[in-house]
Structure formats: C-alpha cells, structure tokens
Amino acid sequence: MGGAETLIESATGWPGMGIIFVYSFLIAFVLPGPSEVVLVAPLDLGLPTWASLGSIMLVSAVGKAAGSVLAFHIGQEVKRAGPIVRWLRRSRWDILEWSERRSVQLAQRYGYGGLALALSVPFFPDTISIYAFAVLERDYVRFAAATFVGSLGRLIVTVGFFGSISLAF
C-alpha cells in the first residue's frame, strides 16, 4: 500500500477532511490508487456515523471533481500539443487509441452520463476515463458535474455493496 493510502487510513478529525480532499484531488489526475480508500479514514468528527460517512463522501467527490477539472484542462492542452499526441500514438501499447475508442463509445452512447457511469464502478481505475473524456470534450461545467456524480456514485455503490456484505455475516 502506498504512502498516500496510509496517510488516509491514519487521518483523524477535521484536518483529516483536508487530507481526504487533497488525496481525492490528486487521484483524479496523478495518483494511481483506489479512491475508495477514503471510506476507511478513522475520522472522529463528533457526528453520527451516517453524517460522518456522508461528509467524507461529499468532500471526496468535490476533491475528485476539482482534480478532474485540472485533468480536463491538461487534456485540452494536450489536444493542442501535437508532439505529445504523436508520441502517444506511436507508443508500444497505443493507450490513446484504446482509451479514445472506449471513451468515444461511451460519449456517443451516453454523453456525460457515460462518464459518470464509468466513474461509478468501484475499484476500476478512472484516470484513463477522465483523461480520455478530457481530450474529447469541451464543457468544463458538465465535465465537473459528471465527475462529481460519478465519484459520489462510486462511493455510494462501494458502501452499499460492502454494507450489504457485512450485514450478511
């Protein structure tokens, strides 16, 4: 487990919310890792469990949406940077072609809802989806809204899934 995940798992109190925000911001465009780790932060906010968990989810979703907007901006710049795009297309695995193909399929079929849906899948790396949509799309506000909804949806699905598992045992 990386240092960032360890930091989240030891975050306490209200300063821990800042750590969750920063982690979620960074995971959107630079950190490889699970965004769901924020759900295990041992914050003691003096709130009921549901309110504490809801606060964590909202702060994480806002942080991830903000980080996604930065990724979106970077994607807009990459579109203008011909040498970077050419290098990515010539790369051994041609990640750009694969991500563009998948993202185009989602965008054509579901639009920004497709991005939100893709980001709602727990434990699926979302950085590629964020960058692929960032390169294909232009609307900052709709992009931010889709990443917020998808990020919040991912955490809700994760809590719902693991909550139902823990109730079964």
N, C-alpha and C. Protein backbone atom coordinates (compact mmCIF):
# COMPACT_ATOMS: atom_id res chain seq x y z
N MET A 1 0.85 -1.18 0.00
CA MET A 1 0.00 0.00 0.00
C MET A 1 0.89 1.23 0.00
N GLY A 2 0.51 2.23 -0.77
CA GLY A 2 1.32 3.43 -0.90
C GLY A 2 1.20 4.37 0.29
N GLY A 3 2.08 5.35 0.32
CA GLY A 3 2.09 6.33 1.40
C GLY A 3 0.82 7.14 1.47
N ALA A 4 0.25 7.45 0.31
CA ALA A 4 -0.99 8.25 0.29
C ALA A 4 -2.13 7.49 0.95
N GLU A 5 -2.24 6.19 0.65
CA GLU A 5 -3.30 5.39 1.25
C GLU A 5 -3.09 5.27 2.76
N THR A 6 -1.84 5.12 3.18
CA THR A 6 -1.52 5.04 4.61
C THR A 6 -1.90 6.34 5.31
N LEU A 7 -1.63 7.47 4.65
CA LEU A 7 -1.99 8.77 5.22
C LEU A 7 -3.50 8.86 5.40
N ILE A 8 -4.26 8.41 4.42
CA ILE A 8 -5.73 8.43 4.52
C ILE A 8 -6.19 7.55 5.68
N GLU A 9 -5.61 6.36 5.79
CA GLU A 9 -6.04 5.43 6.82
C GLU A 9 -5.70 5.90 8.24
N SER A 10 -4.83 6.90 8.33
CA SER A 10 -4.49 7.43 9.66
C SER A 10 -5.05 8.84 9.87
N ALA A 11 -5.77 9.37 8.91
CA ALA A 11 -6.33 10.72 9.02
C ALA A 11 -7.42 10.76 10.09
N THR A 12 -7.32 11.73 10.98
CA THR A 12 -8.32 11.84 12.04
C THR A 12 -8.81 13.28 12.14
N GLY A 13 -9.98 13.42 12.72
CA GLY A 13 -10.56 14.73 12.97
C GLY A 13 -10.83 15.53 11.71
N TRP A 14 -11.14 16.79 11.92
CA TRP A 14 -11.46 17.67 10.80
C TRP A 14 -10.27 17.90 9.87
N PRO A 15 -9.01 17.96 10.37
CA PRO A 15 -7.89 18.06 9.43
C PRO A 15 -7.83 16.88 8.46
N GLY A 16 -8.35 15.75 8.90
CA GLY A 16 -8.41 14.57 8.04
C GLY A 16 -9.28 14.81 6.80
N MET A 17 -10.27 15.69 6.94
CA MET A 17 -11.11 16.02 5.77
C MET A 17 -10.28 16.73 4.71
N GLY A 18 -9.34 17.54 5.14
CA GLY A 18 -8.44 18.20 4.19
C GLY A 18 -7.57 17.18 3.48
N ILE A 19 -7.11 16.18 4.22
CA ILE A 19 -6.30 15.11 3.62
C ILE A 19 -7.13 14.34 2.60
N ILE A 20 -8.38 14.06 2.93
CA ILE A 20 -9.28 13.36 2.00
C ILE A 20 -9.49 14.19 0.74
N PHE A 21 -9.70 15.49 0.90
CA PHE A 21 -9.88 16.36 -0.26
C PHE A 21 -8.64 16.32 -1.17
N VAL A 22 -7.46 16.50 -0.57
CA VAL A 22 -6.22 16.54 -1.35
C VAL A 22 -5.98 15.19 -2.02
N TYR A 23 -6.17 14.10 -1.31
CA TYR A 23 -5.99 12.76 -1.89
C TYR A 23 -6.94 12.58 -3.07
N SER A 24 -8.20 12.92 -2.89
CA SER A 24 -9.19 12.76 -3.96
C SER A 24 -8.86 13.66 -5.14
N PHE A 25 -8.39 14.86 -4.87
CA PHE A 25 -7.97 15.78 -5.93
C PHE A 25 -6.84 15.15 -6.75
N LEU A 26 -5.84 14.62 -6.05
CA LEU A 26 -4.68 14.05 -6.73
C LEU A 26 -4.99 12.75 -7.45
N ILE A 27 -5.89 11.96 -6.92
CA ILE A 27 -6.21 10.66 -7.53
C ILE A 27 -6.89 10.85 -8.89
N ALA A 28 -7.49 12.00 -9.09
CA ALA A 28 -8.18 12.25 -10.35
C ALA A 28 -7.23 12.38 -11.53
N PHE A 29 -6.01 12.82 -11.27
CA PHE A 29 -5.15 13.04 -12.43
C PHE A 29 -3.71 12.56 -12.29
N VAL A 30 -3.28 12.16 -11.10
CA VAL A 30 -1.88 11.79 -10.99
C VAL A 30 -1.61 10.54 -10.16
N LEU A 31 -2.33 10.31 -9.09
CA LEU A 31 -2.05 9.17 -8.22
C LEU A 31 -2.73 7.90 -8.71
N PRO A 32 -1.96 6.84 -8.88
CA PRO A 32 -2.62 5.56 -9.17
C PRO A 32 -3.05 4.94 -7.85
N GLY A 33 -4.27 4.61 -7.73
CA GLY A 33 -4.72 4.01 -6.48
C GLY A 33 -6.23 4.06 -6.36
N PRO A 34 -6.74 3.40 -5.36
CA PRO A 34 -8.19 3.34 -5.18
C PRO A 34 -8.74 4.59 -4.48
N SER A 35 -9.74 5.17 -5.08
CA SER A 35 -10.36 6.34 -4.44
C SER A 35 -11.24 5.91 -3.27
N GLU A 36 -11.62 4.63 -3.23
CA GLU A 36 -12.49 4.14 -2.17
C GLU A 36 -11.82 4.10 -0.80
N VAL A 37 -10.50 4.21 -0.77
CA VAL A 37 -9.77 4.14 0.50
C VAL A 37 -10.22 5.24 1.47
N VAL A 38 -10.79 6.32 0.96
CA VAL A 38 -11.25 7.40 1.84
C VAL A 38 -12.34 6.92 2.80
N LEU A 39 -13.03 5.86 2.43
CA LEU A 39 -14.12 5.36 3.26
C LEU A 39 -13.64 4.71 4.55
N VAL A 40 -12.35 4.39 4.64
CA VAL A 40 -11.83 3.76 5.86
C VAL A 40 -11.08 4.75 6.75
N ALA A 41 -11.10 6.02 6.39
CA ALA A 41 -10.44 7.03 7.22
C ALA A 41 -11.10 7.06 8.60
N PRO A 42 -10.31 6.96 9.67
CA PRO A 42 -10.88 6.90 11.02
C PRO A 42 -11.20 8.28 11.59
N LEU A 43 -11.90 9.08 10.83
CA LEU A 43 -12.22 10.43 11.29
C LEU A 43 -13.17 10.38 12.48
N ASP A 44 -12.89 11.19 13.45
CA ASP A 44 -13.80 11.35 14.58
C ASP A 44 -14.25 12.80 14.54
N LEU A 45 -15.36 13.02 13.86
CA LEU A 45 -15.83 14.38 13.63
C LEU A 45 -16.87 14.82 14.67
N GLY A 46 -17.23 13.93 15.57
CA GLY A 46 -18.25 14.27 16.54
C GLY A 46 -19.64 14.26 15.94
N LEU A 47 -19.80 13.56 14.82
CA LEU A 47 -21.08 13.47 14.12
C LEU A 47 -21.57 12.03 14.17
N PRO A 48 -22.86 11.81 13.95
CA PRO A 48 -23.33 10.43 13.81
C PRO A 48 -22.59 9.75 12.65
N THR A 49 -22.49 8.45 12.69
CA THR A 49 -21.75 7.70 11.67
C THR A 49 -22.22 8.04 10.27
N TRP A 50 -23.54 8.10 10.05
CA TRP A 50 -24.06 8.38 8.71
C TRP A 50 -23.64 9.77 8.24
N ALA A 51 -23.62 10.73 9.13
CA ALA A 51 -23.24 12.10 8.77
C ALA A 51 -21.75 12.20 8.50
N SER A 52 -20.97 11.49 9.27
CA SER A 52 -19.52 11.47 9.06
C SER A 52 -19.19 10.83 7.71
N LEU A 53 -19.81 9.69 7.43
CA LEU A 53 -19.59 8.99 6.17
C LEU A 53 -20.07 9.85 5.00
N GLY A 54 -21.22 10.46 5.14
CA GLY A 54 -21.73 11.35 4.09
C GLY A 54 -20.81 12.53 3.84
N SER A 55 -20.26 13.08 4.91
CA SER A 55 -19.31 14.20 4.78
C SER A 55 -18.05 13.78 4.05
N ILE A 56 -17.54 12.61 4.41
CA ILE A 56 -16.36 12.07 3.73
C ILE A 56 -16.64 11.90 2.24
N MET A 57 -17.80 11.35 1.92
CA MET A 57 -18.16 11.11 0.52
C MET A 57 -18.27 12.41 -0.25
N LEU A 58 -18.91 13.41 0.35
CA LEU A 58 -19.06 14.70 -0.34
C LEU A 58 -17.72 15.40 -0.55
N VAL A 59 -16.89 15.42 0.49
CA VAL A 59 -15.57 16.07 0.37
C VAL A 59 -14.73 15.35 -0.67
N SER A 60 -14.77 14.02 -0.68
CA SER A 60 -14.02 13.25 -1.66
C SER A 60 -14.51 13.53 -3.08
N ALA A 61 -15.82 13.56 -3.27
CA ALA A 61 -16.38 13.81 -4.60
C ALA A 61 -16.04 15.21 -5.10
N VAL A 62 -16.07 16.19 -4.20
CA VAL A 62 -15.71 17.57 -4.58
C VAL A 62 -14.22 17.62 -4.95
N GLY A 63 -13.38 16.97 -4.15
CA GLY A 63 -11.95 16.94 -4.44
C GLY A 63 -11.65 16.28 -5.76
N LYS A 64 -12.33 15.17 -6.02
CA LYS A 64 -12.10 14.45 -7.28
C LYS A 64 -12.61 15.24 -8.47
N ALA A 65 -13.73 15.92 -8.30
CA ALA A 65 -14.25 16.76 -9.39
C ALA A 65 -13.28 17.90 -9.67
N ALA A 66 -12.73 18.51 -8.62
CA ALA A 66 -11.76 19.60 -8.81
C ALA A 66 -10.51 19.08 -9.51
N GLY A 67 -10.01 17.92 -9.10
CA GLY A 67 -8.85 17.33 -9.75
C GLY A 67 -9.15 16.96 -11.19
N SER A 68 -10.37 16.52 -11.44
CA SER A 68 -10.77 16.17 -12.80
C SER A 68 -10.81 17.40 -13.70
N VAL A 69 -11.20 18.54 -13.14
CA VAL A 69 -11.20 19.77 -13.93
C VAL A 69 -9.76 20.13 -14.33
N LEU A 70 -8.81 19.92 -13.41
CA LEU A 70 -7.40 20.14 -13.77
C LEU A 70 -6.98 19.15 -14.87
N ALA A 71 -7.38 17.89 -14.74
CA ALA A 71 -7.09 16.90 -15.78
C ALA A 71 -7.74 17.31 -17.10
N PHE A 72 -8.95 17.85 -17.00
CA PHE A 72 -9.67 18.32 -18.19
C PHE A 72 -8.86 19.42 -18.88
N HIS A 73 -8.37 20.35 -18.08
CA HIS A 73 -7.56 21.45 -18.62
C HIS A 73 -6.29 20.90 -19.28
N ILE A 74 -5.64 19.96 -18.61
CA ILE A 74 -4.45 19.33 -19.19
C ILE A 74 -4.80 18.64 -20.51
N GLY A 75 -5.94 17.95 -20.52
CA GLY A 75 -6.40 17.28 -21.75
C GLY A 75 -6.65 18.27 -22.88
N GLN A 76 -7.19 19.43 -22.54
CA GLN A 76 -7.41 20.45 -23.55
C GLN A 76 -6.08 20.93 -24.14
N GLU A 77 -5.09 21.07 -23.27
CA GLU A 77 -3.76 21.49 -23.73
C GLU A 77 -3.09 20.40 -24.56
N VAL A 78 -3.26 19.14 -24.15
CA VAL A 78 -2.66 18.02 -24.89
C VAL A 78 -3.21 17.97 -26.31
N LYS A 79 -4.49 18.31 -26.47
CA LYS A 79 -5.07 18.31 -27.82
C LYS A 79 -4.31 19.26 -28.74
N ARG A 80 -3.78 20.32 -28.15
CA ARG A 80 -3.05 21.31 -28.95
C ARG A 80 -1.57 20.95 -29.10
N ALA A 81 -1.10 19.99 -28.31
CA ALA A 81 0.32 19.63 -28.30
C ALA A 81 0.54 18.45 -29.23
N GLY A 82 0.69 18.71 -30.48
CA GLY A 82 0.87 17.67 -31.49
C GLY A 82 1.95 16.66 -31.18
N PRO A 83 3.15 17.06 -30.75
CA PRO A 83 4.21 16.08 -30.49
C PRO A 83 3.84 15.07 -29.41
N ILE A 84 3.12 15.49 -28.37
CA ILE A 84 2.72 14.57 -27.30
C ILE A 84 1.74 13.54 -27.85
N VAL A 85 0.75 14.00 -28.59
CA VAL A 85 -0.24 13.10 -29.16
C VAL A 85 0.43 12.13 -30.12
N ARG A 86 1.34 12.62 -30.97
CA ARG A 86 2.06 11.73 -31.91
C ARG A 86 2.87 10.68 -31.15
N TRP A 87 3.55 11.09 -30.07
CA TRP A 87 4.34 10.16 -29.29
C TRP A 87 3.44 9.08 -28.66
N LEU A 88 2.29 9.49 -28.12
CA LEU A 88 1.37 8.53 -27.52
C LEU A 88 0.84 7.55 -28.56
N ARG A 89 0.55 8.04 -29.76
CA ARG A 89 0.04 7.16 -30.82
C ARG A 89 1.10 6.15 -31.28
N ARG A 90 2.37 6.54 -31.23
CA ARG A 90 3.45 5.63 -31.65
C ARG A 90 3.91 4.72 -30.52
N SER A 91 3.42 4.95 -29.30
CA SER A 91 3.88 4.16 -28.17
C SER A 91 3.52 2.69 -28.35
N ARG A 92 4.20 1.85 -27.64
CA ARG A 92 4.07 0.40 -27.78
C ARG A 92 2.63 -0.10 -27.59
N TRP A 93 1.90 0.44 -26.62
CA TRP A 93 0.57 -0.06 -26.31
C TRP A 93 -0.55 0.79 -26.89
N ASP A 94 -0.23 1.92 -27.43
CA ASP A 94 -1.21 2.84 -28.01
C ASP A 94 -2.42 3.05 -27.09
N ILE A 95 -2.11 3.47 -25.88
CA ILE A 95 -3.13 3.73 -24.87
C ILE A 95 -4.13 4.76 -25.37
N LEU A 96 -3.65 5.73 -26.10
CA LEU A 96 -4.52 6.79 -26.59
C LEU A 96 -5.62 6.23 -27.48
N GLU A 97 -5.26 5.34 -28.40
CA GLU A 97 -6.27 4.78 -29.30
C GLU A 97 -7.31 3.97 -28.53
N TRP A 98 -6.83 3.12 -27.60
CA TRP A 98 -7.75 2.30 -26.82
C TRP A 98 -8.69 3.16 -25.98
N SER A 99 -8.13 4.13 -25.26
CA SER A 99 -8.97 4.96 -24.39
C SER A 99 -9.90 5.84 -25.22
N GLU A 100 -9.41 6.34 -26.34
CA GLU A 100 -10.28 7.15 -27.20
C GLU A 100 -11.45 6.30 -27.72
N ARG A 101 -11.14 5.09 -28.16
CA ARG A 101 -12.18 4.22 -28.72
C ARG A 101 -13.24 3.94 -27.66
N ARG A 102 -12.83 3.54 -26.47
CA ARG A 102 -13.78 3.24 -25.39
C ARG A 102 -14.55 4.50 -24.98
N SER A 103 -13.84 5.60 -24.84
CA SER A 103 -14.48 6.84 -24.41
C SER A 103 -15.43 7.37 -25.46
N VAL A 104 -15.05 7.25 -26.72
CA VAL A 104 -15.94 7.69 -27.80
C VAL A 104 -17.22 6.87 -27.77
N GLN A 105 -17.08 5.56 -27.55
CA GLN A 105 -18.26 4.71 -27.47
C GLN A 105 -19.18 5.15 -26.33
N LEU A 106 -18.60 5.39 -25.16
CA LEU A 106 -19.41 5.85 -24.03
C LEU A 106 -19.99 7.23 -24.28
N ALA A 107 -19.17 8.14 -24.81
CA ALA A 107 -19.63 9.51 -25.06
C ALA A 107 -20.75 9.54 -26.09
N GLN A 108 -20.58 8.76 -27.15
CA GLN A 108 -21.60 8.74 -28.20
C GLN A 108 -22.90 8.12 -27.69
N ARG A 109 -22.76 7.11 -26.89
CA ARG A 109 -23.96 6.41 -26.42
C ARG A 109 -24.64 7.11 -25.25
N TYR A 110 -23.83 7.61 -24.29
CA TYR A 110 -24.41 8.14 -23.07
C TYR A 110 -24.00 9.57 -22.72
N GLY A 111 -23.09 10.17 -23.48
CA GLY A 111 -22.64 11.52 -23.20
C GLY A 111 -21.95 11.60 -21.85
N TYR A 112 -22.18 12.71 -21.16
CA TYR A 112 -21.55 12.90 -19.85
C TYR A 112 -22.09 11.89 -18.83
N GLY A 113 -23.28 11.39 -19.06
CA GLY A 113 -23.81 10.33 -18.21
C GLY A 113 -22.95 9.07 -18.31
N GLY A 114 -22.37 8.83 -19.47
CA GLY A 114 -21.46 7.69 -19.65
C GLY A 114 -20.21 7.85 -18.81
N LEU A 115 -19.70 9.07 -18.73
CA LEU A 115 -18.53 9.33 -17.88
C LEU A 115 -18.90 9.09 -16.42
N ALA A 116 -20.03 9.62 -15.99
CA ALA A 116 -20.48 9.42 -14.60
C ALA A 116 -20.67 7.94 -14.32
N LEU A 117 -21.23 7.21 -15.27
CA LEU A 117 -21.45 5.78 -15.10
C LEU A 117 -20.11 5.04 -15.00
N ALA A 118 -19.16 5.37 -15.87
CA ALA A 118 -17.85 4.72 -15.84
C ALA A 118 -17.14 5.00 -14.52
N LEU A 119 -17.28 6.19 -14.00
CA LEU A 119 -16.62 6.55 -12.75
C LEU A 119 -17.31 5.97 -11.52
N SER A 120 -18.51 5.44 -11.70
CA SER A 120 -19.26 4.85 -10.58
C SER A 120 -18.88 3.40 -10.31
N VAL A 121 -18.03 2.83 -11.14
CA VAL A 121 -17.64 1.44 -10.96
C VAL A 121 -16.53 1.36 -9.92
N PRO A 122 -16.81 0.74 -8.76
CA PRO A 122 -15.80 0.66 -7.70
C PRO A 122 -14.55 -0.10 -8.13
N PHE A 123 -13.41 0.37 -7.66
CA PHE A 123 -12.11 -0.26 -7.83
C PHE A 123 -11.64 -0.33 -9.28
N PHE A 124 -12.30 0.39 -10.18
CA PHE A 124 -11.87 0.47 -11.57
C PHE A 124 -11.06 1.75 -11.73
N PRO A 125 -9.85 1.66 -12.29
CA PRO A 125 -9.04 2.89 -12.42
C PRO A 125 -9.75 3.90 -13.31
N ASP A 126 -9.92 5.10 -12.80
CA ASP A 126 -10.69 6.09 -13.54
C ASP A 126 -9.86 7.18 -14.18
N THR A 127 -8.56 7.20 -13.96
CA THR A 127 -7.72 8.26 -14.52
C THR A 127 -7.78 8.25 -16.05
N ILE A 128 -7.74 7.07 -16.66
CA ILE A 128 -7.79 6.98 -18.12
C ILE A 128 -9.12 7.51 -18.64
N SER A 129 -10.22 7.14 -17.98
CA SER A 129 -11.53 7.65 -18.41
C SER A 129 -11.58 9.16 -18.31
N ILE A 130 -11.04 9.71 -17.22
CA ILE A 130 -11.05 11.15 -17.04
C ILE A 130 -10.26 11.84 -18.14
N TYR A 131 -9.06 11.35 -18.41
CA TYR A 131 -8.23 11.97 -19.44
C TYR A 131 -8.82 11.77 -20.84
N ALA A 132 -9.37 10.59 -21.10
CA ALA A 132 -9.94 10.35 -22.42
C ALA A 132 -11.12 11.29 -22.68
N PHE A 133 -12.00 11.44 -21.70
CA PHE A 133 -13.11 12.37 -21.85
C PHE A 133 -12.60 13.80 -21.94
N ALA A 134 -11.55 14.09 -21.19
CA ALA A 134 -10.98 15.44 -21.21
C ALA A 134 -10.48 15.81 -22.60
N VAL A 135 -9.92 14.85 -23.30
CA VAL A 135 -9.41 15.11 -24.64
C VAL A 135 -10.56 15.25 -25.63
N LEU A 136 -11.65 14.53 -25.39
CA LEU A 136 -12.76 14.51 -26.34
C LEU A 136 -13.78 15.63 -26.14
N GLU A 137 -13.93 16.08 -24.94
CA GLU A 137 -15.00 17.03 -24.63
C GLU A 137 -14.47 18.43 -24.38
N ARG A 138 -15.41 19.41 -24.24
CA ARG A 138 -15.01 20.80 -24.08
C ARG A 138 -15.71 21.55 -22.95
N ASP A 139 -16.76 21.01 -22.40
CA ASP A 139 -17.58 21.73 -21.43
C ASP A 139 -17.09 21.46 -20.00
N TYR A 140 -16.40 22.43 -19.42
CA TYR A 140 -15.82 22.28 -18.09
C TYR A 140 -16.89 22.00 -17.03
N VAL A 141 -17.99 22.71 -17.07
CA VAL A 141 -19.02 22.59 -16.03
C VAL A 141 -19.68 21.21 -16.09
N ARG A 142 -20.05 20.77 -17.28
CA ARG A 142 -20.68 19.45 -17.41
C ARG A 142 -19.70 18.34 -17.05
N PHE A 143 -18.44 18.53 -17.41
CA PHE A 143 -17.41 17.56 -17.07
C PHE A 143 -17.26 17.47 -15.56
N ALA A 144 -17.17 18.62 -14.89
CA ALA A 144 -17.04 18.64 -13.43
C ALA A 144 -18.27 17.99 -12.77
N ALA A 145 -19.45 18.29 -13.28
CA ALA A 145 -20.67 17.70 -12.72
C ALA A 145 -20.67 16.18 -12.89
N ALA A 146 -20.27 15.71 -14.07
CA ALA A 146 -20.24 14.26 -14.33
C ALA A 146 -19.22 13.56 -13.43
N THR A 147 -18.06 14.18 -13.23
CA THR A 147 -17.06 13.55 -12.37
C THR A 147 -17.50 13.57 -10.90
N PHE A 148 -18.19 14.63 -10.50
CA PHE A 148 -18.71 14.69 -9.13
C PHE A 148 -19.74 13.57 -8.91
N VAL A 149 -20.70 13.48 -9.83
CA VAL A 149 -21.76 12.47 -9.71
C VAL A 149 -21.16 11.06 -9.76
N GLY A 150 -20.23 10.84 -10.69
CA GLY A 150 -19.61 9.52 -10.80
C GLY A 150 -18.79 9.16 -9.58
N SER A 151 -18.05 10.12 -9.05
CA SER A 151 -17.23 9.87 -7.86
C SER A 151 -18.09 9.58 -6.64
N LEU A 152 -19.13 10.37 -6.47
CA LEU A 152 -20.06 10.14 -5.36
C LEU A 152 -20.77 8.81 -5.54
N GLY A 153 -21.18 8.53 -6.77
CA GLY A 153 -21.84 7.25 -7.08
C GLY A 153 -20.95 6.06 -6.75
N ARG A 154 -19.66 6.16 -7.07
CA ARG A 154 -18.72 5.08 -6.77
C ARG A 154 -18.67 4.80 -5.27
N LEU A 155 -18.62 5.86 -4.48
CA LEU A 155 -18.54 5.68 -3.03
C LEU A 155 -19.85 5.12 -2.47
N ILE A 156 -20.97 5.56 -3.00
CA ILE A 156 -22.27 5.05 -2.57
C ILE A 156 -22.40 3.57 -2.92
N VAL A 157 -22.00 3.20 -4.14
CA VAL A 157 -22.05 1.80 -4.56
C VAL A 157 -21.14 0.95 -3.67
N THR A 158 -19.95 1.46 -3.38
CA THR A 158 -19.00 0.73 -2.53
C THR A 158 -19.57 0.51 -1.14
N VAL A 159 -20.11 1.57 -0.54
CA VAL A 159 -20.69 1.45 0.81
C VAL A 159 -21.89 0.50 0.76
N GLY A 160 -22.72 0.63 -0.26
CA GLY A 160 -23.89 -0.25 -0.38
C GLY A 160 -23.49 -1.70 -0.52
N PHE A 161 -22.48 -1.95 -1.34
CA PHE A 161 -22.03 -3.32 -1.56
C PHE A 161 -21.41 -3.91 -0.31
N PHE A 162 -20.46 -3.21 0.26
CA PHE A 162 -19.77 -3.74 1.44
C PHE A 162 -20.66 -3.70 2.68
N GLY A 163 -21.58 -2.76 2.74
CA GLY A 163 -22.52 -2.73 3.85
C GLY A 163 -23.43 -3.94 3.80
N SER A 164 -23.87 -4.32 2.59
CA SER A 164 -24.74 -5.49 2.48
C SER A 164 -23.97 -6.78 2.75
N ILE A 165 -22.69 -6.81 2.42
CA ILE A 165 -21.87 -7.98 2.73
C ILE A 165 -21.70 -8.13 4.24
N SER A 166 -21.40 -7.01 4.91
CA SER A 166 -21.18 -7.07 6.36
C SER A 166 -22.47 -7.44 7.09
N LEU A 167 -23.62 -7.05 6.54
CA LEU A 167 -24.89 -7.42 7.17
C LEU A 167 -25.18 -8.91 7.01
N ALA A 168 -24.63 -9.50 5.93
CA ALA A 168 -24.86 -10.93 5.67
C ALA A 168 -24.07 -11.80 6.64
N PHE A 169 -23.03 -11.25 7.24
CA PHE A 169 -22.16 -12.05 8.13
C PHE A 169 -22.44 -11.78 9.56
